[in-house]
N, C-alpha and C. Protein backbone atom coordinates (compact mmCIF):
# COMPACT_ATOMS: atom_id res chain seq x y z
N UNK A 1 -39.72 31.31 69.27
CA UNK A 1 -38.23 31.37 68.77
C UNK A 1 -37.78 32.45 68.26
N UNK A 2 -36.41 33.25 68.79
CA UNK A 2 -35.89 34.09 68.25
C UNK A 2 -36.05 34.15 66.90
N UNK A 3 -35.86 35.08 65.99
CA UNK A 3 -35.53 34.81 64.41
C UNK A 3 -34.35 35.23 64.26
N UNK A 4 -33.15 34.73 63.40
CA UNK A 4 -31.78 34.88 63.06
C UNK A 4 -31.66 36.17 62.41
N UNK A 5 -30.85 36.52 62.35
CA UNK A 5 -30.36 38.12 61.68
C UNK A 5 -30.00 37.67 60.46
N UNK A 6 -30.90 37.92 59.37
CA UNK A 6 -31.09 37.54 57.76
C UNK A 6 -29.96 38.13 57.20
N UNK A 7 -29.40 37.77 56.29
CA UNK A 7 -28.05 38.69 55.67
C UNK A 7 -29.06 39.36 54.48
N UNK A 8 -28.51 40.06 54.13
CA UNK A 8 -28.84 41.57 53.37
C UNK A 8 -29.25 41.09 52.10
N UNK A 9 -30.38 41.61 51.64
CA UNK A 9 -30.26 41.68 50.04
C UNK A 9 -29.74 43.26 49.32
N UNK A 10 -29.49 43.10 48.33
CA UNK A 10 -28.75 44.19 47.50
C UNK A 10 -29.80 45.45 47.27
N UNK A 11 -30.45 46.04 48.25
CA UNK A 11 -31.39 47.04 48.11
C UNK A 11 -30.55 48.40 48.89
N UNK A 12 -30.25 49.05 47.97
CA UNK A 12 -29.57 50.45 48.22
C UNK A 12 -30.20 51.61 48.19
N UNK A 13 -29.86 51.94 49.28
CA UNK A 13 -30.61 53.58 49.58
C UNK A 13 -29.24 54.66 49.82
N UNK A 14 -29.55 55.90 49.42
CA UNK A 14 -28.74 56.99 49.54
C UNK A 14 -29.12 58.29 50.58
N UNK A 15 -29.56 57.50 51.44
CA UNK A 15 -30.17 58.61 52.61
C UNK A 15 -29.19 59.49 53.64
N UNK A 16 -27.66 59.14 53.33
CA UNK A 16 -26.66 59.87 53.70
C UNK A 16 -26.23 60.68 52.38
N UNK A 17 -26.57 60.69 51.46
CA UNK A 17 -26.02 61.52 50.24
C UNK A 17 -27.10 62.89 50.09
N UNK A 18 -28.38 62.11 50.16
CA UNK A 18 -29.65 62.87 49.65
C UNK A 18 -29.85 64.16 49.98
N UNK A 19 -29.61 64.42 51.73
CA UNK A 19 -30.26 66.14 52.26
C UNK A 19 -29.01 67.02 51.84
N UNK A 20 -27.72 66.41 51.54
CA UNK A 20 -26.55 67.90 51.08
C UNK A 20 -27.00 67.53 49.55
N UNK A 21 -27.16 66.92 48.63
CA UNK A 21 -27.33 66.82 47.34
C UNK A 21 -28.73 67.71 46.93
N UNK A 22 -29.65 67.81 47.62
CA UNK A 22 -30.78 67.98 47.46
C UNK A 22 -30.57 69.95 47.68
N UNK A 23 -30.17 69.97 48.49
CA UNK A 23 -29.50 71.60 49.26
C UNK A 23 -28.95 72.04 48.27
N UNK A 24 -27.79 71.39 47.28
CA UNK A 24 -26.64 72.00 46.61
C UNK A 24 -27.59 71.90 45.66
N UNK A 25 -28.44 71.06 44.86
CA UNK A 25 -29.19 71.30 43.63
C UNK A 25 -30.20 72.48 43.74
N UNK A 26 -30.75 72.70 44.87
CA UNK A 26 -31.98 74.02 44.97
C UNK A 26 -30.93 75.18 44.79
N UNK A 27 -29.59 75.35 45.42
CA UNK A 27 -29.00 76.48 45.33
C UNK A 27 -28.71 76.98 43.73
N UNK A 28 -28.61 75.96 42.95
CA UNK A 28 -28.01 76.26 41.96
C UNK A 28 -29.16 76.17 40.50
N UNK A 29 -30.46 75.50 40.80
CA UNK A 29 -31.29 75.38 40.02
C UNK A 29 -32.77 75.18 40.58
N UNK A 30 -32.85 75.51 41.70
CA UNK A 30 -34.38 75.48 42.35
C UNK A 30 -34.74 74.07 42.51
N UNK A 31 -35.98 74.14 42.85
CA UNK A 31 -36.84 72.81 43.27
C UNK A 31 -36.63 72.05 42.00
N UNK A 32 -36.17 70.57 42.30
CA UNK A 32 -36.20 69.91 40.95
C UNK A 32 -37.66 68.88 41.04
N UNK A 33 -38.33 69.24 39.89
CA UNK A 33 -39.85 68.88 40.08
C UNK A 33 -39.64 67.42 40.22
N UNK A 34 -40.83 67.19 41.47
CA UNK A 34 -41.01 65.13 41.14
C UNK A 34 -42.25 64.72 40.22
N UNK A 35 -42.19 63.83 39.66
CA UNK A 35 -42.69 63.33 38.52
C UNK A 35 -43.06 62.16 39.08
N UNK A 36 -44.59 61.63 38.95
CA UNK A 36 -45.28 60.36 39.65
C UNK A 36 -45.44 59.45 38.03
N UNK A 37 -44.58 58.08 38.63
CA UNK A 37 -44.83 57.03 37.61
C UNK A 37 -44.88 55.75 38.20
N UNK A 38 -46.16 55.29 37.55
CA UNK A 38 -46.31 53.75 38.04
C UNK A 38 -45.61 52.84 37.95
N UNK A 39 -45.88 51.76 38.66
CA UNK A 39 -44.85 50.60 38.42
C UNK A 39 -44.66 50.10 37.02
N UNK A 40 -43.51 49.69 36.41
CA UNK A 40 -43.36 49.09 35.41
C UNK A 40 -42.76 50.21 34.32
N UNK A 41 -42.41 51.58 35.16
CA UNK A 41 -42.19 52.43 34.22
C UNK A 41 -40.71 52.38 33.76
N UNK A 42 -40.52 52.25 32.61
CA UNK A 42 -39.02 52.35 32.26
C UNK A 42 -38.31 53.81 32.08
N UNK A 43 -37.09 53.89 32.93
CA UNK A 43 -36.25 55.38 32.70
C UNK A 43 -35.73 55.33 31.69
N UNK A 44 -35.06 54.42 31.51
CA UNK A 44 -33.59 53.98 30.04
C UNK A 44 -33.35 52.69 29.98
N UNK A 45 -32.82 52.63 28.81
CA UNK A 45 -32.49 51.36 28.51
C UNK A 45 -30.91 51.40 28.46
N UNK A 46 -30.49 49.81 28.48
CA UNK A 46 -28.62 49.87 28.06
C UNK A 46 -28.38 50.26 26.96
N UNK A 47 -27.40 50.90 26.88
CA UNK A 47 -27.16 51.50 25.99
C UNK A 47 -27.92 52.93 24.91
N UNK A 48 -29.01 53.15 25.86
CA UNK A 48 -29.17 54.47 25.62
C UNK A 48 -28.64 55.83 25.98
N UNK A 49 -28.48 56.55 24.95
CA UNK A 49 -27.83 58.05 25.46
C UNK A 49 -28.73 58.85 26.45
N UNK A 50 -27.73 59.67 27.21
CA UNK A 50 -28.37 60.50 28.10
C UNK A 50 -27.95 61.36 28.65
N UNK A 51 -28.38 62.43 29.38
CA UNK A 51 -27.39 63.53 29.98
C UNK A 51 -28.48 63.66 31.15
N UNK A 52 -29.66 62.69 31.72
CA UNK A 52 -29.93 63.09 32.75
C UNK A 52 -29.36 62.20 33.99
N UNK A 53 -29.49 62.89 35.23
CA UNK A 53 -29.26 61.73 36.33
C UNK A 53 -31.06 61.67 37.24
N UNK A 54 -31.31 60.97 37.63
CA UNK A 54 -32.55 60.65 38.24
C UNK A 54 -32.10 60.74 39.67
N UNK A 55 -33.49 61.70 40.39
CA UNK A 55 -33.62 61.42 41.93
C UNK A 55 -34.95 60.86 42.23
N UNK A 56 -34.80 59.71 42.79
CA UNK A 56 -35.61 58.77 43.26
C UNK A 56 -36.14 59.57 44.73
N UNK A 57 -37.42 60.24 45.09
CA UNK A 57 -37.86 60.59 45.95
C UNK A 57 -38.58 59.75 47.09
N UNK A 58 -39.26 59.02 46.16
CA UNK A 58 -40.20 57.64 46.75
C UNK A 58 -40.12 56.81 45.62
N UNK A 59 -40.46 55.21 46.68
CA UNK A 59 -40.48 53.91 45.47
C UNK A 59 -39.32 53.34 45.51
N UNK A 60 -39.58 52.49 44.88
CA UNK A 60 -38.19 51.63 44.74
C UNK A 60 -37.65 51.43 42.88
N UNK A 61 -36.84 51.81 43.03
CA UNK A 61 -36.82 51.17 41.29
C UNK A 61 -35.69 49.98 41.32
N UNK A 62 -35.27 49.51 40.33
CA UNK A 62 -34.93 48.17 39.58
C UNK A 62 -33.39 48.50 38.85
N UNK A 63 -32.04 48.51 38.52
CA UNK A 63 -31.56 48.34 37.77
C UNK A 63 -30.99 46.66 37.53
N UNK A 64 -31.55 46.68 36.02
CA UNK A 64 -30.68 44.89 35.42
C UNK A 64 -30.44 45.11 34.27
N UNK A 65 -29.93 43.84 33.94
CA UNK A 65 -29.32 43.88 32.61
C UNK A 65 -29.59 42.58 32.07
N UNK A 66 -29.54 42.31 30.98
CA UNK A 66 -30.02 40.92 30.14
C UNK A 66 -29.01 40.47 28.85
N UNK A 67 -28.79 39.55 29.39
CA UNK A 67 -28.06 38.59 28.31
C UNK A 67 -28.02 38.72 26.84
N UNK A 68 -26.96 38.37 26.03
CA UNK A 68 -27.52 37.65 24.91
C UNK A 68 -28.71 36.90 24.86
N UNK A 69 -28.71 35.86 25.31
CA UNK A 69 -29.89 34.97 25.48
C UNK A 69 -31.23 35.37 26.27
N UNK A 70 -31.01 36.60 26.46
CA UNK A 70 -32.52 37.58 26.66
C UNK A 70 -33.02 36.96 28.05
N UNK A 71 -31.79 36.85 28.96
CA UNK A 71 -32.35 36.48 30.30
C UNK A 71 -31.60 37.56 31.63
N UNK A 72 -32.65 38.04 32.70
CA UNK A 72 -32.21 39.21 33.25
C UNK A 72 -32.00 39.06 34.07
N UNK A 73 -30.92 39.58 34.92
CA UNK A 73 -30.16 39.75 36.20
C UNK A 73 -30.28 41.29 36.47
N UNK A 74 -30.67 41.17 37.84
CA UNK A 74 -31.10 42.54 38.60
C UNK A 74 -29.48 42.77 39.37
N UNK A 75 -29.23 43.84 39.07
CA UNK A 75 -27.75 44.24 39.69
C UNK A 75 -28.03 44.79 40.78
N UNK A 76 -29.18 45.61 40.80
CA UNK A 76 -29.12 46.44 42.14
C UNK A 76 -30.65 46.62 42.42
N UNK A 77 -31.53 46.79 43.63
CA UNK A 77 -32.86 47.87 43.93
C UNK A 77 -32.38 48.60 44.51
N UNK A 78 -33.21 49.84 44.39
CA UNK A 78 -32.92 50.88 44.66
C UNK A 78 -34.07 51.43 45.58
N UNK A 79 -34.06 51.92 47.01
CA UNK A 79 -35.05 52.34 47.44
C UNK A 79 -34.81 53.89 47.59
N UNK A 80 -35.70 54.77 47.73
CA UNK A 80 -35.79 56.03 48.05
C UNK A 80 -35.43 56.24 49.53
N UNK A 81 -34.56 57.67 49.70
CA UNK A 81 -34.46 58.36 48.41
C UNK A 81 -32.58 57.83 48.01
N UNK A 82 -32.42 57.94 46.75
CA UNK A 82 -31.73 57.33 46.02
C UNK A 82 -31.19 58.44 44.69
N UNK A 83 -29.94 58.31 43.77
CA UNK A 83 -30.10 58.51 43.06
C UNK A 83 -29.67 57.31 41.84
N UNK A 84 -29.95 57.63 40.36
CA UNK A 84 -29.79 56.35 39.46
C UNK A 84 -29.62 57.09 38.12
N UNK A 85 -28.57 56.35 37.48
CA UNK A 85 -28.49 57.07 35.71
C UNK A 85 -27.20 57.89 36.10
N UNK A 86 -26.65 57.91 37.20
CA UNK A 86 -25.27 58.55 37.51
C UNK A 86 -24.00 58.42 36.31
N UNK A 87 -24.08 57.17 35.61
CA UNK A 87 -23.03 57.11 35.09
C UNK A 87 -23.12 58.32 33.53
N UNK A 88 -24.23 59.29 33.89
CA UNK A 88 -24.50 60.09 32.67
C UNK A 88 -23.68 61.38 32.87
N UNK A 89 -22.92 61.27 34.32
CA UNK A 89 -22.38 62.62 34.59
C UNK A 89 -21.00 62.26 33.55
N UNK A 90 -20.40 60.91 32.98
CA UNK A 90 -19.43 61.25 32.15
C UNK A 90 -20.10 61.59 30.84
N UNK A 91 -18.93 62.65 30.13
CA UNK A 91 -19.42 63.34 28.78
C UNK A 91 -19.77 62.06 27.85
N UNK A 92 -20.54 61.78 26.32
CA UNK A 92 -21.01 61.04 25.64
C UNK A 92 -21.19 59.38 26.48
N UNK A 93 -21.30 59.28 27.27
CA UNK A 93 -21.62 57.71 27.82
C UNK A 93 -23.22 57.44 27.35
N UNK A 94 -23.45 56.33 27.14
CA UNK A 94 -24.67 55.87 27.36
C UNK A 94 -24.87 54.88 28.91
N UNK A 95 -26.22 54.76 29.19
CA UNK A 95 -26.82 54.45 30.28
C UNK A 95 -26.09 52.63 30.21
N UNK A 96 -25.80 52.34 31.43
CA UNK A 96 -25.10 50.91 31.86
C UNK A 96 -25.84 49.81 31.91
N UNK A 97 -27.07 50.05 32.26
CA UNK A 97 -28.12 48.93 32.61
C UNK A 97 -29.64 49.42 32.27
N UNK A 98 -30.70 48.74 32.43
CA UNK A 98 -31.91 48.97 32.31
C UNK A 98 -32.46 49.66 33.64
N UNK A 99 -33.57 50.57 33.60
CA UNK A 99 -33.76 50.95 35.13
C UNK A 99 -35.37 51.00 35.05
N UNK A 100 -36.29 50.14 35.73
CA UNK A 100 -37.36 50.29 35.85
C UNK A 100 -38.29 50.54 37.10
N UNK A 101 -39.30 51.25 37.16
CA UNK A 101 -39.73 51.41 38.60
C UNK A 101 -40.14 49.90 39.19
N UNK A 102 -39.99 49.47 40.41
CA UNK A 102 -40.82 48.44 41.12
C UNK A 102 -42.33 48.62 41.31
N UNK A 103 -42.59 49.31 42.31
CA UNK A 103 -43.53 50.50 42.76
C UNK A 103 -43.85 51.89 42.21
N UNK A 104 -45.20 52.26 42.09
CA UNK A 104 -45.16 53.76 41.92
C UNK A 104 -44.08 54.50 42.59
N UNK A 105 -43.42 55.84 41.83
CA UNK A 105 -42.44 56.10 42.27
C UNK A 105 -42.66 57.64 42.19
N UNK A 106 -42.27 58.54 42.72
CA UNK A 106 -41.63 60.09 42.63
C UNK A 106 -40.37 60.50 42.13
N UNK A 107 -40.08 60.70 41.24
CA UNK A 107 -38.96 60.86 40.36
C UNK A 107 -38.62 62.17 39.82
N UNK A 108 -37.56 62.73 40.15
CA UNK A 108 -37.04 63.96 39.28
C UNK A 108 -35.77 63.65 38.66
N UNK A 109 -35.22 64.74 37.51
CA UNK A 109 -34.13 64.45 36.52
C UNK A 109 -33.61 66.05 36.72
N UNK A 110 -32.17 65.63 36.62
CA UNK A 110 -31.43 66.74 36.56
C UNK A 110 -30.18 66.44 35.43
N UNK A 111 -29.82 67.48 35.18
CA UNK A 111 -29.34 66.99 34.50
C UNK A 111 -27.52 67.17 34.35
N UNK A 112 -26.48 66.19 33.61
CA UNK A 112 -25.56 66.36 34.12
C UNK A 112 -24.91 67.83 34.43
N UNK A 113 -24.95 68.55 33.74
CA UNK A 113 -23.94 69.71 33.91
C UNK A 113 -24.26 70.65 35.06
N UNK A 114 -25.60 70.67 35.33
CA UNK A 114 -26.38 70.95 36.78
C UNK A 114 -25.52 70.32 37.93
N UNK A 115 -25.60 69.27 38.07
CA UNK A 115 -25.05 68.07 38.86
C UNK A 115 -23.39 68.35 39.30
N UNK A 116 -23.00 68.24 38.04
CA UNK A 116 -21.46 68.60 37.90
C UNK A 116 -21.37 70.11 38.57
N UNK A 117 -21.96 70.90 38.03
CA UNK A 117 -21.60 72.04 38.83
C UNK A 117 -21.63 72.13 40.45
N UNK A 118 -22.72 71.07 41.22
CA UNK A 118 -22.79 71.11 42.29
C UNK A 118 -21.67 70.71 43.28
N UNK A 119 -21.53 69.61 41.99
CA UNK A 119 -19.79 68.88 42.82
C UNK A 119 -18.76 69.54 42.72
N UNK A 120 -18.07 70.57 41.54
CA UNK A 120 -17.46 71.63 41.71
C UNK A 120 -17.45 72.73 42.85
N UNK A 121 -18.80 73.25 43.00
CA UNK A 121 -19.09 74.06 44.10
C UNK A 121 -19.20 73.49 45.42
N UNK A 122 -18.97 72.44 46.09
CA UNK A 122 -19.17 71.75 47.32
C UNK A 122 -18.15 70.19 47.00
N UNK A 123 -17.05 70.13 47.06
CA UNK A 123 -16.18 69.28 47.01
C UNK A 123 -16.63 68.18 48.24
N UNK A 124 -17.20 68.29 49.55
CA UNK A 124 -17.55 67.35 50.62
C UNK A 124 -18.83 67.00 49.90
N UNK A 125 -19.67 67.11 48.89
CA UNK A 125 -20.58 66.47 48.27
C UNK A 125 -20.09 65.51 47.11
N UNK A 126 -18.95 65.88 46.82
CA UNK A 126 -18.54 64.93 45.85
C UNK A 126 -18.13 63.39 46.53
N UNK A 127 -17.30 63.78 47.82
CA UNK A 127 -16.66 62.91 48.25
C UNK A 127 -18.10 61.85 48.82
N UNK A 128 -18.93 62.36 49.41
CA UNK A 128 -20.41 61.78 49.44
C UNK A 128 -20.69 60.72 48.37
N UNK A 129 -20.67 61.31 47.26
CA UNK A 129 -21.23 60.73 45.90
C UNK A 129 -19.99 59.59 45.51
N UNK A 130 -18.49 59.66 46.02
CA UNK A 130 -17.76 58.71 45.87
C UNK A 130 -18.13 57.37 46.48
N UNK A 131 -18.56 57.90 48.14
CA UNK A 131 -18.95 56.75 48.71
C UNK A 131 -19.83 56.04 48.52
N UNK A 132 -20.89 57.20 48.03
CA UNK A 132 -22.02 55.81 47.50
C UNK A 132 -22.34 55.03 46.30
N UNK A 133 -20.93 55.69 45.60
CA UNK A 133 -20.86 54.96 44.88
C UNK A 133 -19.91 53.36 44.74
N UNK A 134 -19.04 53.60 45.71
CA UNK A 134 -18.25 52.84 45.92
C UNK A 134 -19.06 52.06 46.74
N UNK A 135 -20.06 51.87 47.67
CA UNK A 135 -21.02 51.22 48.14
C UNK A 135 -21.99 50.11 47.10
N UNK A 136 -22.20 50.79 46.07
CA UNK A 136 -22.61 50.12 44.63
C UNK A 136 -21.39 49.37 44.41
N UNK A 137 -20.73 49.39 44.13
CA UNK A 137 -19.51 48.78 43.88
C UNK A 137 -19.59 47.47 44.48
N UNK A 138 -19.38 47.20 45.60
CA UNK A 138 -19.15 46.53 46.84
C UNK A 138 -20.42 45.49 46.65
N UNK A 139 -21.82 45.95 46.46
CA UNK A 139 -22.57 45.29 46.30
C UNK A 139 -22.86 44.57 44.93
N UNK A 140 -22.00 44.84 43.90
CA UNK A 140 -22.25 44.14 42.59
C UNK A 140 -21.28 43.05 42.91
N UNK A 141 -19.85 43.46 43.45
CA UNK A 141 -18.93 42.68 43.42
C UNK A 141 -19.55 41.37 44.56
N UNK A 142 -19.99 41.52 45.32
CA UNK A 142 -20.69 40.88 46.34
C UNK A 142 -21.78 39.34 45.59
N UNK A 143 -22.54 40.15 44.80
CA UNK A 143 -23.43 39.60 44.24
C UNK A 143 -22.96 38.67 42.65
N UNK A 144 -21.97 38.90 42.33
CA UNK A 144 -21.22 38.55 41.67
C UNK A 144 -20.22 37.46 42.03
N UNK A 145 -19.89 37.04 43.08
CA UNK A 145 -19.45 36.41 43.82
C UNK A 145 -20.00 35.47 44.14
N UNK A 146 -21.33 35.46 44.87
CA UNK A 146 -22.12 34.48 44.71
C UNK A 146 -22.70 34.03 43.79
N UNK A 147 -23.05 34.47 42.76
CA UNK A 147 -22.83 33.38 41.52
C UNK A 147 -22.05 32.81 41.05
N UNK A 148 -20.67 33.08 41.15
CA UNK A 148 -19.58 32.23 41.01
C UNK A 148 -19.32 31.17 41.90
N UNK A 149 -19.94 31.36 43.11
CA UNK A 149 -19.56 30.43 44.22
C UNK A 149 -19.88 30.11 45.06
N UNK A 150 -21.43 30.35 45.05
CA UNK A 150 -22.49 29.89 45.67
C UNK A 150 -23.24 29.06 44.73
N UNK A 151 -23.99 28.00 45.16
CA UNK A 151 -24.86 27.16 44.43
C UNK A 151 -26.48 28.21 44.22
N UNK A 152 -27.24 27.58 43.76
CA UNK A 152 -28.62 28.29 43.82
C UNK A 152 -29.20 28.08 45.03
N UNK A 153 -29.54 26.70 45.67
CA UNK A 153 -30.33 27.09 47.01
C UNK A 153 -29.64 27.77 47.78
N UNK A 154 -28.16 27.76 47.91
CA UNK A 154 -27.91 28.73 49.12
C UNK A 154 -28.08 30.38 48.31
N UNK A 155 -28.17 30.50 47.00
CA UNK A 155 -28.50 32.23 46.73
C UNK A 155 -29.97 32.28 47.24
N UNK A 156 -30.77 31.17 46.93
CA UNK A 156 -32.36 31.60 47.06
C UNK A 156 -32.33 31.89 48.54
N UNK A 157 -32.07 31.24 49.49
CA UNK A 157 -32.34 31.05 50.86
C UNK A 157 -31.34 32.24 51.27
N UNK A 158 -30.43 33.04 50.73
CA UNK A 158 -30.25 34.31 51.18
C UNK A 158 -30.92 35.17 50.65
N UNK A 159 -31.41 34.95 49.45
CA UNK A 159 -32.84 36.26 48.67
C UNK A 159 -34.25 36.06 49.75
N UNK A 160 -34.20 34.92 50.17
CA UNK A 160 -35.59 34.44 50.74
C UNK A 160 -35.64 35.49 51.86
N UNK A 161 -34.55 35.29 52.95
CA UNK A 161 -34.72 35.82 54.06
C UNK A 161 -34.28 37.12 53.88
N UNK A 162 -33.20 37.72 52.69
CA UNK A 162 -33.25 39.36 52.65
C UNK A 162 -34.11 40.00 52.43
N UNK A 163 -35.06 38.94 51.42
CA UNK A 163 -36.42 39.97 51.05
C UNK A 163 -37.46 40.17 52.54
N UNK A 164 -36.98 38.89 53.42
CA UNK A 164 -38.32 39.29 54.30
C UNK A 164 -37.37 40.39 55.31
N UNK A 165 -36.08 40.47 55.52
CA UNK A 165 -35.90 41.21 56.20
C UNK A 165 -36.09 42.56 55.74
N UNK A 166 -36.48 43.18 54.76
CA UNK A 166 -36.62 44.35 54.58
C UNK A 166 -38.16 44.49 55.29
N UNK A 167 -39.26 43.72 55.25
CA UNK A 167 -40.50 43.96 56.06
C UNK A 167 -40.47 43.19 57.40
N UNK A 168 -40.08 42.65 57.71
CA UNK A 168 -39.94 42.00 59.18
C UNK A 168 -41.54 41.50 59.34
N UNK A 169 -42.39 40.93 58.27
CA UNK A 169 -43.57 40.40 58.33
C UNK A 169 -43.47 39.23 59.38
N UNK A 170 -44.44 39.12 60.02
CA UNK A 170 -44.41 37.63 60.70
C UNK A 170 -45.94 37.41 61.43
N UNK A 171 -46.21 36.13 60.60
CA UNK A 171 -44.92 34.94 60.23
C UNK A 171 -44.29 35.29 59.10
N UNK A 172 -42.47 35.00 58.81
CA UNK A 172 -41.80 35.67 58.01
C UNK A 172 -42.73 35.19 56.32
N UNK A 173 -42.59 35.90 55.48
CA UNK A 173 -43.54 36.13 54.14
C UNK A 173 -43.07 36.41 53.50
N UNK A 174 -43.00 36.01 51.69
CA UNK A 174 -41.97 36.95 50.73
C UNK A 174 -42.98 36.77 50.03
N UNK A 175 -43.07 37.85 49.16
CA UNK A 175 -44.13 38.01 47.91
C UNK A 175 -43.47 38.31 46.87
N UNK A 176 -42.60 37.20 46.14
CA UNK A 176 -42.03 37.29 44.63
C UNK A 176 -42.41 36.37 43.89
N UNK A 177 -42.39 36.48 42.42
CA UNK A 177 -42.21 35.32 41.60
C UNK A 177 -41.10 34.52 41.35
N UNK A 178 -41.28 33.57 40.88
CA UNK A 178 -39.96 32.40 40.89
C UNK A 178 -39.45 33.69 39.60
N UNK A 179 -39.85 34.04 38.83
CA UNK A 179 -39.24 34.70 38.04
C UNK A 179 -38.40 36.10 38.51
N UNK A 180 -39.04 36.75 39.33
CA UNK A 180 -38.22 37.86 40.08
C UNK A 180 -37.12 37.10 40.92
N UNK A 181 -37.58 36.16 41.47
CA UNK A 181 -36.14 35.69 42.39
C UNK A 181 -34.78 35.26 41.38
N UNK A 182 -35.42 34.41 40.43
CA UNK A 182 -34.42 34.24 39.42
C UNK A 182 -33.59 35.08 38.67
N UNK A 183 -34.24 36.15 38.55
CA UNK A 183 -33.50 37.59 38.32
C UNK A 183 -32.64 38.54 39.31
N UNK A 184 -33.35 38.26 40.73
CA UNK A 184 -32.75 38.29 41.47
C UNK A 184 -31.44 37.94 41.87
N UNK A 185 -30.95 36.70 41.45
CA UNK A 185 -30.00 35.86 41.96
C UNK A 185 -29.53 35.11 41.16
N UNK A 186 -29.79 35.70 39.95
CA UNK A 186 -28.90 34.99 38.56
C UNK A 186 -29.13 33.82 38.43
N UNK A 187 -30.33 33.32 38.05
CA UNK A 187 -30.59 31.92 37.65
C UNK A 187 -31.91 31.66 36.35
N UNK A 188 -32.11 30.52 36.29
CA UNK A 188 -33.62 30.54 35.35
C UNK A 188 -34.66 30.07 36.06
N UNK A 189 -35.69 30.89 35.87
CA UNK A 189 -36.72 30.23 36.54
C UNK A 189 -37.40 28.90 36.83
N UNK A 190 -36.82 27.99 35.97
CA UNK A 190 -37.29 26.68 36.28
C UNK A 190 -36.08 26.10 37.07
N UNK A 191 -34.80 26.40 37.26
CA UNK A 191 -34.06 26.07 37.98
C UNK A 191 -34.32 26.68 39.82
N UNK A 192 -35.16 27.86 40.01
CA UNK A 192 -35.44 28.27 41.00
C UNK A 192 -36.80 27.63 41.37
N UNK A 193 -37.74 27.40 40.44
CA UNK A 193 -39.38 26.31 40.49
C UNK A 193 -38.88 25.36 41.33
N UNK A 194 -37.50 24.52 40.70
CA UNK A 194 -37.42 23.10 41.26
C UNK A 194 -36.58 23.21 42.68
N UNK A 195 -35.87 24.57 42.97
CA UNK A 195 -35.05 24.63 44.15
C UNK A 195 -36.22 25.10 45.56
N UNK A 196 -37.41 25.63 44.73
CA UNK A 196 -38.38 26.02 45.72
C UNK A 196 -39.03 24.46 46.41
N UNK A 197 -39.26 24.13 45.05
CA UNK A 197 -40.01 22.70 45.38
C UNK A 197 -39.26 21.54 46.31
N UNK A 198 -37.73 21.54 46.49
CA UNK A 198 -36.87 20.86 47.29
C UNK A 198 -37.20 21.67 48.96
N UNK A 199 -37.14 22.64 49.04
CA UNK A 199 -37.27 23.81 50.25
C UNK A 199 -38.24 22.87 50.66
N UNK A 200 -39.66 23.12 49.59
CA UNK A 200 -40.89 22.88 50.36
C UNK A 200 -40.74 21.28 50.93
N UNK A 201 -40.34 20.56 50.23
CA UNK A 201 -40.25 19.07 50.57
C UNK A 201 -39.71 18.99 51.70
N UNK A 202 -38.62 19.68 51.98
CA UNK A 202 -37.22 19.72 52.99
C UNK A 202 -38.19 20.06 54.70
N UNK A 203 -38.93 20.53 54.27
CA UNK A 203 -39.98 21.58 54.99
C UNK A 203 -39.52 23.02 55.76
N UNK A 204 -38.76 23.88 54.95
CA UNK A 204 -37.97 24.97 54.70
C UNK A 204 -39.07 26.13 54.43
N UNK A 205 -39.77 25.75 53.58
CA UNK A 205 -40.88 26.89 53.45
C UNK A 205 -42.15 25.81 52.88
N UNK A 206 -42.97 27.10 53.13
CA UNK A 206 -44.49 26.40 52.42
C UNK A 206 -44.97 27.68 51.56
N UNK A 207 -45.60 27.16 50.04
CA UNK A 207 -46.00 28.58 49.38
C UNK A 207 -47.36 28.08 48.81
N UNK A 208 -47.95 29.60 48.51
CA UNK A 208 -49.17 29.24 47.69
C UNK A 208 -49.06 30.17 46.56
N UNK A 209 -50.13 30.75 45.81
CA UNK A 209 -50.28 31.18 45.04
C UNK A 209 -49.42 32.69 44.75
N UNK A 210 -49.39 33.21 45.44
CA UNK A 210 -48.88 35.15 45.77
C UNK A 210 -47.79 34.76 46.79
N UNK A 211 -47.62 34.16 47.71
CA UNK A 211 -46.33 34.07 48.86
C UNK A 211 -45.84 33.10 49.12
N UNK A 212 -44.27 33.23 49.37
CA UNK A 212 -43.43 32.13 50.08
C UNK A 212 -43.58 32.19 51.54
N UNK A 213 -44.00 31.39 52.29
CA UNK A 213 -44.01 31.22 53.64
C UNK A 213 -43.15 30.75 54.54
N UNK A 214 -41.88 31.21 54.85
CA UNK A 214 -40.52 30.79 55.74
C UNK A 214 -40.88 30.08 56.55
N UNK A 215 -40.57 28.51 56.89
CA UNK A 215 -41.17 28.10 58.20
C UNK A 215 -39.88 27.81 59.13
N UNK A 216 -38.63 27.39 58.32
CA UNK A 216 -37.35 27.33 59.48
C UNK A 216 -36.46 28.30 59.04
N UNK A 217 -36.38 29.37 59.85
CA UNK A 217 -35.42 30.79 59.42
C UNK A 217 -33.95 29.72 59.60
N UNK A 218 -33.92 29.22 60.82
CA UNK A 218 -33.09 28.76 61.20
C UNK A 218 -32.20 28.15 60.23
N UNK A 219 -32.63 26.86 59.56
CA UNK A 219 -31.88 25.95 58.46
C UNK A 219 -32.24 26.73 57.46
N UNK A 220 -32.84 27.78 56.76
CA UNK A 220 -32.50 28.62 55.83
C UNK A 220 -30.97 29.79 56.01
N UNK A 221 -31.15 30.13 57.19
CA UNK A 221 -30.01 30.93 57.36
C UNK A 221 -28.28 29.96 57.42
N UNK A 222 -28.64 28.51 58.03
CA UNK A 222 -27.59 27.87 57.82
C UNK A 222 -27.16 27.59 56.40
N UNK A 223 -28.21 27.42 55.87
CA UNK A 223 -28.47 27.43 54.36
C UNK A 223 -27.51 28.06 53.61
N UNK A 224 -28.10 29.71 53.80
CA UNK A 224 -27.49 30.54 52.88
C UNK A 224 -26.33 31.13 53.21
N UNK A 225 -25.78 30.68 54.77
CA UNK A 225 -24.16 30.84 54.85
C UNK A 225 -23.07 29.75 54.78
N UNK A 226 -23.42 28.73 54.53
CA UNK A 226 -22.58 27.17 54.45
C UNK A 226 -21.93 27.62 53.01
């Protein structure tokens, strides 16, 4: 059976921006040193002051926020090459999310004034950055619309298909905890666990200790888009 085209999960990369950005920064600053960070490293927290913009050379970074009740919501996942913490370009601002490494990462940091100078000297780079930020805004708006208008099963089906689409494993398999899935779709772990049980009972998936196996891709896709 031919697998259906899965819906995307909100994983952002800045591959179209990065080469020009790195060239401009080298002209001004020289090479930006890469630091190795393990999975689980926190780069900054919500409302932390800072003047650094981060350059993700390798790995994946998760941007998330936390509700007053302590529930986490993944805003975006960033895959290298990408930049994050760009809110620091504005003088006197604070970071507007938490940033944590999902995998071991290679990351550099550049001061806001260095990046501002690069943008002034290369207007076309500034346009590329605006395009990248617009792409992120659209992804966040889509996530908010899904949370507002789609049910948990619909969002979960889309997330499972999207996470699998990144790797294209066969047979289709997703390795995420119920908590990670809940944070990705803006729900509670208990609600996701119940939905996983319903999916299992309906023959859509099978699961074991460390993996969710997608059994019926067509029905999952129909649910995600219903």
